[in-house]
C-alpha atoms as a PDB file:
ATOM      1  CA  MET A   1     -48.377-106.018 -40.370  1.00  0.00           C
ATOM      2  CA  THR A   2     -44.764-105.989 -39.245  1.00  0.00           C
ATOM      3  CA  ALA A   3     -44.451-102.321 -40.177  1.00  0.00           C
ATOM      4  CA  VAL A   4     -47.540-101.478 -38.105  1.00  0.00           C
ATOM      5  CA  LEU A   5     -46.251-103.384 -35.106  1.00  0.00           C
ATOM      6  CA  LEU A   6     -42.794-101.818 -35.498  1.00  0.00           C
ATOM      7  CA  THR A   7     -44.411 -98.392 -35.667  1.00  0.00           C
ATOM      8  CA  LEU A   8     -46.481 -99.190 -32.574  1.00  0.00           C
ATOM      9  CA  GLY A   9     -43.359-100.345 -30.781  1.00  0.00           C
ATOM     10  CA  LEU A  10     -41.500 -97.182 -31.734  1.00  0.00           C
ATOM     11  CA  LEU A  11     -44.404 -94.989 -30.668  1.00  0.00           C
ATOM     12  CA  GLY A  12     -44.703 -96.854 -27.379  1.00  0.00           C
ATOM     13  CA  GLY A  13     -40.956 -96.596 -26.791  1.00  0.00           C
ATOM     14  CA  ALA A  14     -40.901 -92.891 -27.614  1.00  0.00           C
ATOM     15  CA  HIS A  15     -43.863 -92.254 -25.350  1.00  0.00           C
ATOM     16  CA  GLY A  16     -42.202 -94.252 -22.568  1.00  0.00           C
ATOM     17  CA  LEU A  17     -38.997 -92.241 -22.915  1.00  0.00           C
ATOM     18  CA  TRP A  18     -40.941 -88.993 -22.916  1.00  0.00           C
ATOM     19  CA  GLN A  19     -42.855 -90.073 -19.792  1.00  0.00           C
ATOM     20  CA  ARG A  20     -39.584 -91.122 -18.137  1.00  0.00           C
ATOM     21  CA  HIS A  21     -38.047 -87.718 -18.882  1.00  0.00           C
ATOM     22  CA  ALA A  22     -41.090 -85.894 -17.491  1.00  0.00           C
ATOM     23  CA  LEU A  23     -41.167 -88.077 -14.377  1.00  0.00           C
ATOM     24  CA  LEU A  24     -37.436 -87.649 -13.790  1.00  0.00           C
ATOM     25  CA  ALA A  25     -37.918 -83.882 -13.983  1.00  0.00           C
ATOM     26  CA  LYS A  26     -40.759 -84.098 -11.427  1.00  0.00           C
ATOM     27  CA  ARG A  27     -38.603 -86.334  -9.236  1.00  0.00           C
ATOM     28  CA  ALA A  28     -35.720 -83.833  -9.415  1.00  0.00           C
ATOM     29  CA  ALA A  29     -38.100 -81.045  -8.379  1.00  0.00           C
ATOM     30  CA  ALA A  30     -39.418 -83.147  -5.473  1.00  0.00           C
ATOM     31  CA  VAL A  31     -35.862 -83.988  -4.347  1.00  0.00           C
ATOM     32  CA  ALA A  32     -34.892 -80.313  -4.557  1.00  0.00           C
ATOM     33  CA  GLN A  33     -37.925 -79.450  -2.460  1.00  0.00           C
ATOM     34  CA  LEU A  34     -36.936 -82.070   0.118  1.00  0.00           C
ATOM     35  CA  GLU A  35     -33.380 -80.730   0.205  1.00  0.00           C
ATOM     36  CA  ALA A  36     -34.724 -77.210   0.711  1.00  0.00           C
ATOM     37  CA  LEU A  37     -36.769 -78.460   3.666  1.00  0.00           C
ATOM     38  CA  ARG A  38     -33.712 -80.120   5.189  1.00  0.00           C
ATOM     39  CA  ARG A  39     -31.518 -77.015   5.003  1.00  0.00           C
ATOM     40  CA  PRO A  40     -31.639 -74.762   8.048  1.00  0.00           C
ATOM     41  CA  SER A  41     -33.482 -71.578   7.226  1.00  0.00           C
ATOM     42  CA  THR A  42     -32.654 -68.088   8.366  1.00  0.00           C
ATOM     43  CA  ARG A  43     -35.730 -68.055  10.555  1.00  0.00           C
ATOM     44  CA  VAL A  44     -35.466 -69.145  14.163  1.00  0.00           C
ATOM     45  CA  HIS A  45     -37.098 -72.537  14.720  1.00  0.00           C
ATOM     46  CA  ALA A  46     -38.248 -73.885  18.030  1.00  0.00           C
ATOM     47  CA  ALA A  47     -37.138 -77.397  17.072  1.00  0.00           C
ATOM     48  CA  ALA A  48     -33.521 -78.306  16.458  1.00  0.00           C
ATOM     49  CA  GLY A  49     -34.198 -79.703  12.971  1.00  0.00           C
ATOM     50  CA  GLU A  50     -36.975 -80.128  10.461  1.00  0.00           C
ATOM     51  CA  ALA A  51     -38.508 -83.486   9.693  1.00  0.00           C
ATOM     52  CA  ILE A  52     -39.354 -84.485   6.133  1.00  0.00           C
ATOM     53  CA  GLN A  53     -43.010 -83.941   5.516  1.00  0.00           C
ATOM     54  CA  PRO A  54     -44.804 -87.261   4.888  1.00  0.00           C
ATOM     55  CA  GLU A  55     -46.659 -85.922   1.840  1.00  0.00           C
ATOM     56  CA  ALA A  56     -43.377 -84.854   0.181  1.00  0.00           C
ATOM     57  CA  ALA A  57     -41.846 -88.275   0.801  1.00  0.00           C
ATOM     58  CA  GLY A  58     -45.013 -89.951  -0.524  1.00  0.00           C
ATOM     59  CA  GLU A  59     -44.890 -87.833  -3.686  1.00  0.00           C
ATOM     60  CA  ALA A  60     -41.260 -88.785  -4.293  1.00  0.00           C
ATOM     61  CA  ASP A  61     -42.088 -92.478  -3.808  1.00  0.00           C
ATOM     62  CA  ARG A  62     -45.054 -92.206  -6.211  1.00  0.00           C
ATOM     63  CA  LEU A  63     -42.888 -90.592  -8.889  1.00  0.00           C
ATOM     64  CA  ILE A  64     -40.212 -93.255  -8.578  1.00  0.00           C
ATOM     65  CA  ALA A  65     -42.802 -96.039  -8.736  1.00  0.00           C
ATOM     66  CA  SER A  66     -44.382 -94.564 -11.879  1.00  0.00           C
ATOM     67  CA  LEU A  67     -41.077 -94.965 -13.721  1.00  0.00           C
ATOM     68  CA  HIS A  68     -41.427 -98.729 -13.502  1.00  0.00           C
ATOM     69  CA  ARG A  69     -44.215 -99.625 -15.924  1.00  0.00           C
ATOM     70  CA  PRO A  70     -44.278-102.877 -17.916  1.00  0.00           C
ATOM     71  CA  TRP A  71     -44.691-101.202 -21.337  1.00  0.00           C
ATOM     72  CA  GLU A  72     -42.766-103.834 -23.295  1.00  0.00           C
ATOM     73  CA  PRO A  73     -44.672-106.864 -21.920  1.00  0.00           C
ATOM     74  CA  MET A  74     -47.952-104.988 -22.428  1.00  0.00           C
ATOM     75  CA  LEU A  75     -47.188-104.311 -26.101  1.00  0.00           C
ATOM     76  CA  ASP A  76     -45.943-107.889 -26.593  1.00  0.00           C
ATOM     77  CA  ALA A  77     -49.198-109.273 -25.136  1.00  0.00           C
ATOM     78  CA  LEU A  78     -51.193-106.975 -27.423  1.00  0.00           C
ATOM     79  CA  GLN A  79     -49.179-108.044 -30.477  1.00  0.00           C
ATOM     80  CA  SER A  80     -49.564-111.750 -29.696  1.00  0.00           C
ATOM     81  CA  THR A  81     -53.372-111.561 -30.038  1.00  0.00           C
ATOM     82  CA  THR A  82     -53.521-109.474 -33.223  1.00  0.00           C
ATOM     83  CA  THR A  83     -54.374-111.269 -36.474  1.00  0.00           C
ATOM     84  CA  GLU A  84     -54.660-110.167 -40.112  1.00  0.00           C
ATOM     85  CA  ASP A  85     -58.368-109.364 -39.820  1.00  0.00           C
ATOM     86  CA  VAL A  86     -57.677-106.727 -37.113  1.00  0.00           C
ATOM     87  CA  ARG A  87     -55.290-103.792 -37.483  1.00  0.00           C
ATOM     88  CA  VAL A  88     -54.224-101.644 -34.521  1.00  0.00           C
ATOM     89  CA  THR A  89     -53.721 -98.071 -35.713  1.00  0.00           C
ATOM     90  CA  ARG A  90     -53.029 -96.262 -32.439  1.00  0.00           C
ATOM     91  CA  VAL A  91     -51.890 -97.171 -28.932  1.00  0.00           C
ATOM     92  CA  GLN A  92     -52.114 -94.557 -26.177  1.00  0.00           C
ATOM     93  CA  PRO A  93     -50.576 -95.602 -22.852  1.00  0.00           C
ATOM     94  CA  GLU A  94     -52.008 -94.079 -19.700  1.00  0.00           C
ATOM     95  CA  SER A  95     -48.979 -93.486 -17.492  1.00  0.00           C
ATOM     96  CA  ASP A  96     -50.815 -93.115 -14.178  1.00  0.00           C
ATOM     97  CA  ALA A  97     -52.444 -96.512 -14.603  1.00  0.00           C
ATOM     98  CA  PHE A  98     -51.507 -99.772 -16.232  1.00  0.00           C
ATOM     99  CA  ARG A  99     -53.865 -99.040 -19.123  1.00  0.00           C
ATOM    100  CA  LEU A 100     -53.700 -98.786 -22.925  1.00  0.00           C
ATOM    101  CA  HIS A 101     -56.257 -97.039 -25.126  1.00  0.00           C
ATOM    102  CA  ILE A 102     -56.399 -98.779 -28.520  1.00  0.00           C
ATOM    103  CA  THR A 103     -57.795 -97.507 -31.825  1.00  0.00           C
ATOM    104  CA  GLY A 104     -58.010 -99.825 -34.802  1.00  0.00           C
ATOM    105  CA  GLU A 105     -59.804-101.348 -37.735  1.00  0.00           C
ATOM    106  CA  ALA A 106     -61.307-104.767 -38.400  1.00  0.00           C
ATOM    107  CA  ASP A 107     -62.601-106.635 -41.452  1.00  0.00           C
ATOM    108  CA  ASN A 108     -66.008-107.018 -39.791  1.00  0.00           C
ATOM    109  CA  GLY A 109     -67.766-106.922 -36.439  1.00  0.00           C
ATOM    110  CA  GLN A 110     -67.191-110.637 -35.828  1.00  0.00           C
ATOM    111  CA  ALA A 111     -63.416-110.207 -36.279  1.00  0.00           C
ATOM    112  CA  PHE A 112     -63.434-107.393 -33.707  1.00  0.00           C
ATOM    113  CA  VAL A 113     -65.462-109.476 -31.227  1.00  0.00           C
ATOM    114  CA  ALA A 114     -63.198-112.508 -31.750  1.00  0.00           C
ATOM    115  CA  TRP A 115     -60.122-110.338 -31.111  1.00  0.00           C
ATOM    116  CA  MET A 116     -61.675-108.942 -27.922  1.00  0.00           C
ATOM    117  CA  GLN A 117     -62.392-112.518 -26.770  1.00  0.00           C
ATOM    118  CA  ARG A 118     -58.731-113.438 -27.372  1.00  0.00           C
ATOM    119  CA  LEU A 119     -57.680-110.424 -25.302  1.00  0.00           C
ATOM    120  CA  GLN A 120     -60.096-111.352 -22.504  1.00  0.00           C
ATOM    121  CA  SER A 121     -58.820-114.928 -22.433  1.00  0.00           C
ATOM    122  CA  ASP A 122     -55.216-113.702 -22.123  1.00  0.00           C
ATOM    123  CA  ALA A 123     -54.317-113.756 -18.410  1.00  0.00           C
ATOM    124  CA  SER A 124     -52.132-110.660 -18.904  1.00  0.00           C
ATOM    125  CA  TRP A 125     -55.150-108.345 -19.093  1.00  0.00           C
ATOM    126  CA  ARG A 126     -57.320-107.557 -16.095  1.00  0.00           C
ATOM    127  CA  SER A 127     -59.916-105.654 -18.055  1.00  0.00           C
ATOM    128  CA  VAL A 128     -60.895-105.360 -21.735  1.00  0.00           C
ATOM    129  CA  GLN A 129     -63.513-102.662 -22.327  1.00  0.00           C
ATOM    130  CA  PRO A 130     -64.874-101.789 -25.771  1.00  0.00           C
ATOM    131  CA  LEU A 131     -65.410 -98.035 -26.080  1.00  0.00           C
ATOM    132  CA  SER A 132     -66.819 -97.777 -29.604  1.00  0.00           C
ATOM    133  CA  GLU A 133     -67.404 -99.715 -32.817  1.00  0.00           C
ATOM    134  CA  ALA A 134     -68.553 -98.093 -36.046  1.00  0.00           C
ATOM    135  CA  ARG A 135     -68.769 -98.958 -39.716  1.00  0.00           C
ATOM    136  CA  GLN A 136     -67.059 -96.423 -41.947  1.00  0.00           C
ATOM    137  CA  ALA A 137     -68.175 -95.468 -45.424  1.00  0.00           C
ATOM    138  CA  GLU A 138     -66.296 -97.447 -48.073  1.00  0.00           C
ATOM    139  CA  ALA A 139     -65.511 -94.331 -50.117  1.00  0.00           C
ATOM    140  CA  SER A 140     -63.942 -92.516 -47.141  1.00  0.00           C
ATOM    141  CA  ALA A 141     -60.836 -94.716 -46.923  1.00  0.00           C
ATOM    142  CA  PRO A 142     -60.560 -97.388 -49.635  1.00  0.00           C
ATOM    143  CA  ALA A 143     -57.424 -99.008 -48.139  1.00  0.00           C
ATOM    144  CA  ALA A 144     -58.848 -99.132 -44.610  1.00  0.00           C
ATOM    145  CA  LYS A 145     -60.823-101.949 -43.072  1.00  0.00           C
ATOM    146  CA  PRO A 146     -64.582-101.242 -42.811  1.00  0.00           C
ATOM    147  CA  VAL A 147     -65.040-101.462 -39.005  1.00  0.00           C
ATOM    148  CA  LEU A 148     -63.438 -98.822 -36.778  1.00  0.00           C
ATOM    149  CA  PHE A 149     -63.121 -99.461 -33.046  1.00  0.00           C
ATOM    150  CA  GLN A 150     -61.717 -98.164 -29.774  1.00  0.00           C
ATOM    151  CA  LEU A 151     -61.121-100.117 -26.604  1.00  0.00           C
ATOM    152  CA  SER A 152     -59.338 -99.856 -23.305  1.00  0.00           C
ATOM    153  CA  LEU A 153     -57.063-102.578 -21.886  1.00  0.00           C
ATOM    154  CA  GLU A 154     -55.928-102.708 -18.278  1.00  0.00           C
ATOM    155  CA  TRP A 155     -52.817-104.728 -17.418  1.00  0.00           C
ATOM    156  CA  ARG A 156     -53.027-107.273 -14.637  1.00  0.00           C
ATOM    157  CA  GLN A 157     -50.491-106.226 -11.999  1.00  0.00           C
ATOM    158  CA  SER A 158     -48.644-109.089 -10.352  1.00  0.00           C
END
């Protein structure tokens, strides 16, 4: 259990760092574009100077805001509801939204439903949406739990 949660934490951290790097690169490109707009060009302009285009400034603000996501509290809230009868096997953060896509296994359908109810009762989550639930063949993965599921969690923004 601890190894799974540690792995999830490492995957979440690595994904967060990768997203941060990509967003910083986009931010650098947006800043370079803004600087290019500020520099006087060789063409003759009727106006004395150029104003920053509102859409370029909005894009820069959006990129900066996307760097500040509460990944650690989201993963902590997810971990606090998980019990031995449910195993989370994959967490995919959606960087444009405050959303996690979860894949996992459960001992039975009732364990999955009980876990979803715990998630829904946690004030941290705005939305808990089951995407799929299926029973896998016992011979396909003997060490795995029999019920496979996917769900989407949306973080409640303060």
